[in-house]
Amino acid sequence: MALKPTSAKRIVNLTKIDNVTKDSDVIMVPGKLLGTGKISHKITVCSFSISTSAAKKILEAGGKIISHSEMISKFPSGKGVRIIG
């Protein structure tokens, strides 16, 4: 069994996302996004993994969850995308 370095396992909560983003931000989470906390504005999120509760809260706030392929096609240069993790 190979152990991954802790830097490879990113876990981010909605509380952190809410604190460091503003309305209509586009973010990429290179790890798992968990639903702890709340989101008070709409954001567009792409994540390797997202919990059901996080997805529900983001959608209820008017946000969007997009796939990696959508992220690449909409933002091919990465300009305007924030990486949080």
C-alpha atoms as a PDB file:
ATOM      1  CA  MET A   1       0.000   0.000   0.000  1.00  0.00           C
ATOM      2  CA  ALA A   2       1.467   3.335  -1.064  1.00  0.00           C
ATOM      3  CA  LEU A   3       0.696   6.362   1.050  1.00  0.00           C
ATOM      4  CA  LYS A   4       0.044   9.659  -0.663  1.00  0.00           C
ATOM      5  CA  PRO A   5       1.774  12.738   0.684  1.00  0.00           C
ATOM      6  CA  THR A   6      -0.602  14.972   2.623  1.00  0.00           C
ATOM      7  CA  SER A   7      -0.059  17.745   0.070  1.00  0.00           C
ATOM      8  CA  ALA A   8      -1.849  15.554  -2.502  1.00  0.00           C
ATOM      9  CA  LYS A   9      -5.009  15.292  -0.370  1.00  0.00           C
ATOM     10  CA  ARG A  10      -6.727  18.664  -0.338  1.00  0.00           C
ATOM     11  CA  ILE A  11      -9.945  19.038   1.635  1.00  0.00           C
ATOM     12  CA  VAL A  12     -11.768  22.376   1.539  1.00  0.00           C
ATOM     13  CA  ASN A  13     -14.966  23.384   3.345  1.00  0.00           C
ATOM     14  CA  LEU A  14     -17.636  25.789   2.099  1.00  0.00           C
ATOM     15  CA  THR A  15     -16.776  28.110   5.003  1.00  0.00           C
ATOM     16  CA  LYS A  16     -13.325  28.724   3.504  1.00  0.00           C
ATOM     17  CA  ILE A  17     -14.748  29.155  -0.012  1.00  0.00           C
ATOM     18  CA  ASP A  18     -17.309  31.666   1.301  1.00  0.00           C
ATOM     19  CA  ASN A  19     -14.587  33.656   3.093  1.00  0.00           C
ATOM     20  CA  VAL A  20     -12.148  33.928   0.174  1.00  0.00           C
ATOM     21  CA  THR A  21     -14.501  34.356  -2.800  1.00  0.00           C
ATOM     22  CA  LYS A  22     -16.952  36.955  -4.009  1.00  0.00           C
ATOM     23  CA  ASP A  23     -20.094  36.769  -6.146  1.00  0.00           C
ATOM     24  CA  SER A  24     -19.604  35.133  -9.571  1.00  0.00           C
ATOM     25  CA  ASP A  25     -16.042  33.896  -8.891  1.00  0.00           C
ATOM     26  CA  VAL A  26     -14.881  30.808 -10.791  1.00  0.00           C
ATOM     27  CA  ILE A  27     -12.866  28.403  -8.647  1.00  0.00           C
ATOM     28  CA  MET A  28     -11.064  25.094  -8.994  1.00  0.00           C
ATOM     29  CA  VAL A  29     -10.601  22.843  -5.958  1.00  0.00           C
ATOM     30  CA  PRO A  30      -7.819  20.280  -6.553  1.00  0.00           C
ATOM     31  CA  GLY A  31      -9.244  17.870  -4.001  1.00  0.00           C
ATOM     32  CA  LYS A  32     -12.523  17.298  -2.152  1.00  0.00           C
ATOM     33  CA  LEU A  33     -15.050  20.034  -1.397  1.00  0.00           C
ATOM     34  CA  LEU A  34     -17.087  19.385   1.755  1.00  0.00           C
ATOM     35  CA  GLY A  35     -20.377  20.988   2.758  1.00  0.00           C
ATOM     36  CA  THR A  36     -19.358  22.238   6.205  1.00  0.00           C
ATOM     37  CA  GLY A  37     -20.542  25.826   6.576  1.00  0.00           C
ATOM     38  CA  LYS A  38     -22.548  27.868   4.102  1.00  0.00           C
ATOM     39  CA  ILE A  39     -22.072  29.806   0.888  1.00  0.00           C
ATOM     40  CA  SER A  40     -23.682  33.257   0.746  1.00  0.00           C
ATOM     41  CA  HIS A  41     -23.139  34.083  -2.935  1.00  0.00           C
ATOM     42  CA  LYS A  42     -23.128  32.372  -6.319  1.00  0.00           C
ATOM     43  CA  ILE A  43     -19.917  30.787  -7.573  1.00  0.00           C
ATOM     44  CA  THR A  44     -18.887  28.386 -10.311  1.00  0.00           C
ATOM     45  CA  VAL A  45     -16.957  25.392  -8.973  1.00  0.00           C
ATOM     46  CA  CYS A  46     -14.922  22.599 -10.513  1.00  0.00           C
ATOM     47  CA  SER A  47     -13.599  20.012  -8.049  1.00  0.00           C
ATOM     48  CA  PHE A  48     -12.036  16.550  -8.199  1.00  0.00           C
ATOM     49  CA  SER A  49     -14.655  15.435  -5.671  1.00  0.00           C
ATOM     50  CA  ILE A  50     -17.622  17.188  -4.059  1.00  0.00           C
ATOM     51  CA  SER A  51     -19.931  16.093  -1.269  1.00  0.00           C
ATOM     52  CA  THR A  52     -23.684  15.959  -1.851  1.00  0.00           C
ATOM     53  CA  SER A  53     -24.303  18.613   0.817  1.00  0.00           C
ATOM     54  CA  ALA A  54     -21.720  20.993  -0.710  1.00  0.00           C
ATOM     55  CA  ALA A  55     -23.254  20.573  -4.171  1.00  0.00           C
ATOM     56  CA  LYS A  56     -26.748  21.225  -2.812  1.00  0.00           C
ATOM     57  CA  LYS A  57     -25.667  24.399  -0.958  1.00  0.00           C
ATOM     58  CA  ILE A  58     -23.809  25.785  -3.996  1.00  0.00           C
ATOM     59  CA  LEU A  59     -26.808  25.192  -6.279  1.00  0.00           C
ATOM     60  CA  GLU A  60     -29.241  26.672  -3.721  1.00  0.00           C
ATOM     61  CA  ALA A  61     -27.101  29.851  -3.610  1.00  0.00           C
ATOM     62  CA  GLY A  62     -27.466  30.161  -7.399  1.00  0.00           C
ATOM     63  CA  GLY A  63     -24.043  28.751  -8.207  1.00  0.00           C
ATOM     64  CA  LYS A  64     -22.954  26.147 -10.739  1.00  0.00           C
ATOM     65  CA  ILE A  65     -20.864  22.994 -10.600  1.00  0.00           C
ATOM     66  CA  ILE A  66     -19.002  22.245 -13.809  1.00  0.00           C
ATOM     67  CA  SER A  67     -16.936  19.304 -15.005  1.00  0.00           C
ATOM     68  CA  HIS A  68     -13.221  19.378 -15.794  1.00  0.00           C
ATOM     69  CA  SER A  69     -13.942  19.313 -19.522  1.00  0.00           C
ATOM     70  CA  GLU A  70     -16.337  22.288 -19.186  1.00  0.00           C
ATOM     71  CA  MET A  71     -13.698  24.171 -17.172  1.00  0.00           C
ATOM     72  CA  ILE A  72     -11.082  23.553 -19.871  1.00  0.00           C
ATOM     73  CA  SER A  73     -13.372  24.585 -22.725  1.00  0.00           C
ATOM     74  CA  LYS A  74     -14.695  27.739 -20.995  1.00  0.00           C
ATOM     75  CA  PHE A  75     -11.364  28.831 -19.493  1.00  0.00           C
ATOM     76  CA  PRO A  76      -8.629  27.339 -21.734  1.00  0.00           C
ATOM     77  CA  SER A  77      -5.935  29.736 -20.489  1.00  0.00           C
ATOM     78  CA  GLY A  78      -7.041  29.539 -16.848  1.00  0.00           C
ATOM     79  CA  LYS A  79      -7.472  33.323 -16.750  1.00  0.00           C
ATOM     80  CA  GLY A  80     -10.088  34.336 -14.208  1.00  0.00           C
ATOM     81  CA  VAL A  81     -10.029  30.980 -12.405  1.00  0.00           C
ATOM     82  CA  ARG A  82      -8.909  30.825  -8.771  1.00  0.00           C
ATOM     83  CA  ILE A  83      -7.410  27.651  -7.343  1.00  0.00           C
ATOM     84  CA  ILE A  84      -8.369  27.091  -3.707  1.00  0.00           C
ATOM     85  CA  GLY A  85      -6.942  24.205  -1.751  1.00  0.00           C
END
